[in-house]
N, C-alpha and C. Protein backbone atom coordinates (compact mmCIF):
# COMPACT_ATOMS: atom_id res chain seq x y z
N UNK A 1 -81.24 -54.71 40.64
CA UNK A 1 -81.10 -54.97 42.07
C UNK A 1 -81.71 -56.32 42.43
N UNK A 2 -82.59 -56.84 41.65
CA UNK A 2 -83.23 -58.12 41.95
C UNK A 2 -82.26 -59.29 41.82
N UNK A 3 -81.07 -59.08 41.19
CA UNK A 3 -80.09 -60.15 41.04
C UNK A 3 -79.32 -60.41 42.32
N UNK A 4 -79.33 -59.46 43.24
CA UNK A 4 -78.60 -59.61 44.50
C UNK A 4 -79.45 -60.34 45.51
N UNK A 5 -78.83 -61.29 46.20
CA UNK A 5 -79.55 -62.06 47.21
C UNK A 5 -79.12 -61.58 48.59
N UNK A 6 -80.04 -61.10 49.37
CA UNK A 6 -79.76 -60.65 50.74
C UNK A 6 -79.80 -61.86 51.66
N UNK A 7 -78.73 -62.01 52.47
CA UNK A 7 -78.64 -63.16 53.37
C UNK A 7 -78.39 -62.69 54.79
N UNK A 8 -78.84 -63.49 55.74
CA UNK A 8 -78.62 -63.22 57.16
C UNK A 8 -77.80 -64.35 57.76
N UNK A 9 -77.16 -64.04 58.88
CA UNK A 9 -76.42 -65.03 59.67
C UNK A 9 -75.26 -65.68 58.90
N UNK A 10 -74.62 -64.93 58.02
CA UNK A 10 -73.43 -65.42 57.34
C UNK A 10 -72.24 -64.92 58.14
N UNK A 11 -71.41 -65.83 58.69
CA UNK A 11 -70.29 -65.40 59.52
C UNK A 11 -69.27 -64.59 58.71
N UNK A 12 -68.78 -63.52 59.31
CA UNK A 12 -67.80 -62.67 58.66
C UNK A 12 -66.39 -63.16 59.01
N UNK A 13 -65.53 -63.37 58.00
CA UNK A 13 -64.16 -63.80 58.30
C UNK A 13 -63.38 -62.69 58.98
N UNK A 14 -62.35 -63.07 59.72
CA UNK A 14 -61.50 -62.09 60.40
C UNK A 14 -60.71 -61.27 59.41
N UNK A 15 -60.13 -60.18 59.90
CA UNK A 15 -59.30 -59.32 59.04
C UNK A 15 -58.04 -60.06 58.65
N UNK A 16 -57.59 -59.78 57.45
CA UNK A 16 -56.38 -60.44 56.95
C UNK A 16 -55.13 -59.85 57.57
N UNK A 17 -55.18 -58.62 58.00
CA UNK A 17 -54.01 -58.01 58.62
C UNK A 17 -53.01 -57.47 57.62
N UNK A 18 -53.36 -57.38 56.38
CA UNK A 18 -52.47 -56.82 55.37
C UNK A 18 -51.55 -57.86 54.76
N UNK A 19 -50.91 -57.47 53.72
CA UNK A 19 -50.00 -58.37 53.01
C UNK A 19 -48.67 -58.48 53.75
N UNK A 20 -47.98 -59.56 53.50
CA UNK A 20 -46.66 -59.75 54.09
C UNK A 20 -45.71 -58.70 53.52
N UNK A 21 -44.77 -58.21 54.30
CA UNK A 21 -43.85 -57.19 53.80
C UNK A 21 -43.01 -57.72 52.64
N UNK A 22 -42.79 -56.87 51.65
CA UNK A 22 -41.98 -57.23 50.49
C UNK A 22 -40.51 -56.94 50.76
N UNK A 23 -40.25 -55.81 51.41
CA UNK A 23 -38.88 -55.35 51.61
C UNK A 23 -38.42 -55.61 53.05
N UNK A 24 -37.12 -55.83 53.26
CA UNK A 24 -36.59 -56.17 54.59
C UNK A 24 -36.26 -54.98 55.47
N UNK A 25 -36.88 -53.82 55.24
CA UNK A 25 -36.50 -52.62 55.98
C UNK A 25 -36.56 -52.80 57.50
N UNK A 26 -37.57 -53.45 58.07
CA UNK A 26 -37.62 -53.57 59.54
C UNK A 26 -36.48 -54.41 60.14
N UNK A 27 -35.92 -55.35 59.38
CA UNK A 27 -34.89 -56.22 59.94
C UNK A 27 -33.47 -55.82 59.54
N UNK A 28 -33.34 -54.82 58.66
CA UNK A 28 -32.03 -54.37 58.23
C UNK A 28 -31.36 -53.60 59.37
N UNK A 29 -30.16 -54.03 59.75
CA UNK A 29 -29.40 -53.38 60.81
C UNK A 29 -28.52 -52.28 60.22
N UNK A 30 -28.09 -51.34 61.05
CA UNK A 30 -27.20 -50.27 60.62
C UNK A 30 -25.93 -50.90 60.03
N UNK A 31 -25.54 -50.44 58.83
CA UNK A 31 -24.36 -50.96 58.16
C UNK A 31 -24.67 -52.09 57.18
N UNK A 32 -25.85 -52.67 57.25
CA UNK A 32 -26.24 -53.73 56.33
C UNK A 32 -26.87 -53.11 55.08
N UNK A 33 -26.84 -53.87 53.99
CA UNK A 33 -27.44 -53.39 52.74
C UNK A 33 -28.08 -54.55 52.00
N UNK A 34 -28.92 -54.20 51.04
CA UNK A 34 -29.56 -55.21 50.19
C UNK A 34 -29.56 -54.67 48.76
N UNK A 35 -29.25 -55.56 47.80
CA UNK A 35 -29.25 -55.18 46.39
C UNK A 35 -30.55 -55.66 45.76
N UNK A 36 -31.23 -54.74 45.05
CA UNK A 36 -32.49 -55.07 44.37
C UNK A 36 -32.24 -54.88 42.88
N UNK A 37 -32.20 -56.00 42.10
CA UNK A 37 -31.95 -55.86 40.67
C UNK A 37 -33.13 -55.19 39.96
N UNK A 38 -32.80 -54.42 38.93
CA UNK A 38 -33.83 -53.75 38.14
C UNK A 38 -34.57 -54.78 37.29
N UNK A 39 -35.85 -54.54 37.07
CA UNK A 39 -36.62 -55.37 36.15
C UNK A 39 -36.29 -54.94 34.73
N UNK A 40 -36.56 -55.77 33.77
CA UNK A 40 -36.26 -55.47 32.37
C UNK A 40 -36.90 -54.14 31.95
N UNK A 41 -36.08 -53.24 31.42
CA UNK A 41 -36.55 -51.96 30.94
C UNK A 41 -36.77 -50.91 32.03
N UNK A 42 -36.50 -51.25 33.27
CA UNK A 42 -36.73 -50.32 34.38
C UNK A 42 -35.59 -49.30 34.46
N UNK A 43 -35.92 -48.05 34.61
CA UNK A 43 -34.92 -46.99 34.73
C UNK A 43 -34.51 -46.81 36.19
N UNK A 44 -33.48 -46.02 36.41
CA UNK A 44 -33.04 -45.74 37.78
C UNK A 44 -34.13 -45.08 38.59
N UNK A 45 -34.85 -44.14 37.98
CA UNK A 45 -35.93 -43.44 38.68
C UNK A 45 -37.05 -44.40 39.04
N UNK A 46 -37.42 -45.27 38.11
CA UNK A 46 -38.51 -46.21 38.34
C UNK A 46 -38.19 -47.18 39.47
N UNK A 47 -36.99 -47.74 39.46
CA UNK A 47 -36.64 -48.71 40.51
C UNK A 47 -36.52 -48.01 41.87
N UNK A 48 -36.02 -46.78 41.88
CA UNK A 48 -35.92 -46.06 43.16
C UNK A 48 -37.31 -45.82 43.75
N UNK A 49 -38.29 -45.54 42.89
CA UNK A 49 -39.66 -45.36 43.37
C UNK A 49 -40.24 -46.68 43.87
N UNK A 50 -39.94 -47.78 43.17
CA UNK A 50 -40.47 -49.10 43.56
C UNK A 50 -39.88 -49.58 44.87
N UNK A 51 -38.60 -49.32 45.08
CA UNK A 51 -37.88 -49.83 46.24
C UNK A 51 -37.94 -48.89 47.44
N UNK A 52 -38.33 -47.67 47.24
CA UNK A 52 -38.33 -46.57 48.20
C UNK A 52 -38.55 -46.96 49.68
N UNK A 53 -37.51 -46.88 50.52
CA UNK A 53 -37.66 -47.20 51.94
C UNK A 53 -38.09 -46.00 52.80
N UNK A 54 -38.18 -44.82 52.20
CA UNK A 54 -38.39 -43.61 53.00
C UNK A 54 -39.73 -43.52 53.73
N UNK A 55 -40.85 -44.00 53.16
CA UNK A 55 -42.08 -43.97 53.97
C UNK A 55 -41.94 -44.79 55.26
N UNK A 56 -41.31 -45.98 55.16
CA UNK A 56 -41.06 -46.79 56.36
C UNK A 56 -40.10 -46.05 57.30
N UNK A 57 -39.03 -45.48 56.74
CA UNK A 57 -38.01 -44.81 57.54
C UNK A 57 -38.61 -43.67 58.36
N UNK A 58 -39.51 -42.91 57.77
CA UNK A 58 -40.13 -41.79 58.50
C UNK A 58 -40.97 -42.29 59.67
N UNK A 59 -41.73 -43.37 59.46
CA UNK A 59 -42.56 -43.91 60.55
C UNK A 59 -41.71 -44.52 61.65
N UNK A 60 -40.60 -45.17 61.26
CA UNK A 60 -39.79 -45.92 62.22
C UNK A 60 -38.62 -45.12 62.78
N UNK A 61 -38.38 -43.93 62.27
CA UNK A 61 -37.26 -43.13 62.76
C UNK A 61 -35.90 -43.69 62.36
N UNK A 62 -35.83 -44.33 61.19
CA UNK A 62 -34.58 -44.90 60.69
C UNK A 62 -34.16 -44.16 59.44
N UNK A 63 -32.88 -44.31 59.03
CA UNK A 63 -32.39 -43.66 57.83
C UNK A 63 -31.78 -44.68 56.89
N UNK A 64 -31.99 -44.43 55.59
CA UNK A 64 -31.49 -45.32 54.54
C UNK A 64 -30.85 -44.48 53.45
N UNK A 65 -29.96 -45.10 52.67
CA UNK A 65 -29.36 -44.48 51.50
C UNK A 65 -29.49 -45.45 50.33
N UNK A 66 -29.77 -44.91 49.14
CA UNK A 66 -29.90 -45.72 47.93
C UNK A 66 -28.87 -45.29 46.91
N UNK A 67 -28.32 -46.26 46.19
CA UNK A 67 -27.40 -45.96 45.09
C UNK A 67 -27.70 -46.91 43.93
N UNK A 68 -27.78 -46.35 42.72
CA UNK A 68 -27.93 -47.12 41.49
C UNK A 68 -26.56 -47.68 41.16
N UNK A 69 -26.44 -49.00 40.94
CA UNK A 69 -25.14 -49.60 40.71
C UNK A 69 -25.25 -50.93 39.98
N UNK A 70 -24.11 -51.48 39.63
CA UNK A 70 -24.04 -52.79 39.00
C UNK A 70 -23.48 -53.77 40.02
N UNK A 71 -24.11 -54.93 40.14
CA UNK A 71 -23.69 -55.95 41.10
C UNK A 71 -23.83 -57.31 40.44
N UNK A 72 -22.73 -58.04 40.36
CA UNK A 72 -22.71 -59.37 39.76
C UNK A 72 -23.37 -59.39 38.37
N UNK A 73 -23.07 -58.37 37.56
CA UNK A 73 -23.56 -58.32 36.19
C UNK A 73 -24.95 -57.75 36.00
N UNK A 74 -25.62 -57.37 37.08
CA UNK A 74 -26.97 -56.81 36.98
C UNK A 74 -26.98 -55.38 37.51
N UNK A 75 -27.73 -54.52 36.83
CA UNK A 75 -27.93 -53.17 37.34
C UNK A 75 -29.12 -53.18 38.30
N UNK A 76 -29.06 -52.31 39.29
CA UNK A 76 -30.14 -52.22 40.25
C UNK A 76 -29.84 -51.17 41.29
N UNK A 77 -30.54 -51.24 42.39
CA UNK A 77 -30.39 -50.29 43.49
C UNK A 77 -29.93 -51.05 44.73
N UNK A 78 -28.91 -50.52 45.39
CA UNK A 78 -28.49 -51.06 46.68
C UNK A 78 -28.99 -50.09 47.74
N UNK A 79 -29.61 -50.64 48.78
CA UNK A 79 -30.16 -49.84 49.88
C UNK A 79 -29.36 -50.18 51.14
N UNK A 80 -28.79 -49.14 51.76
CA UNK A 80 -28.06 -49.30 53.02
C UNK A 80 -28.87 -48.70 54.15
N UNK A 81 -28.83 -49.35 55.30
CA UNK A 81 -29.39 -48.74 56.51
C UNK A 81 -28.26 -47.96 57.13
N UNK A 82 -28.45 -46.63 57.31
CA UNK A 82 -27.38 -45.77 57.81
C UNK A 82 -27.55 -45.37 59.26
N UNK A 83 -28.79 -45.34 59.75
CA UNK A 83 -29.05 -45.01 61.18
C UNK A 83 -30.25 -45.79 61.65
């Protein structure tokens, strides 16, 4: 405990407010979709868990659908905003 230095009057920085959103769920309009390519070795289950819009959808009262598919030579998940 002697290695720690106790200090007074050190200003505390403001809150960061969290990280910037990774996924475009808040700006996706009904009928729009986004394709997320799978990472190397990623399975359909793994990418669906990584991309999962449902926690956001429940908070925001929106609905989404996901489908595993091939797009422009790459496999991945396409997410549609349905409501």
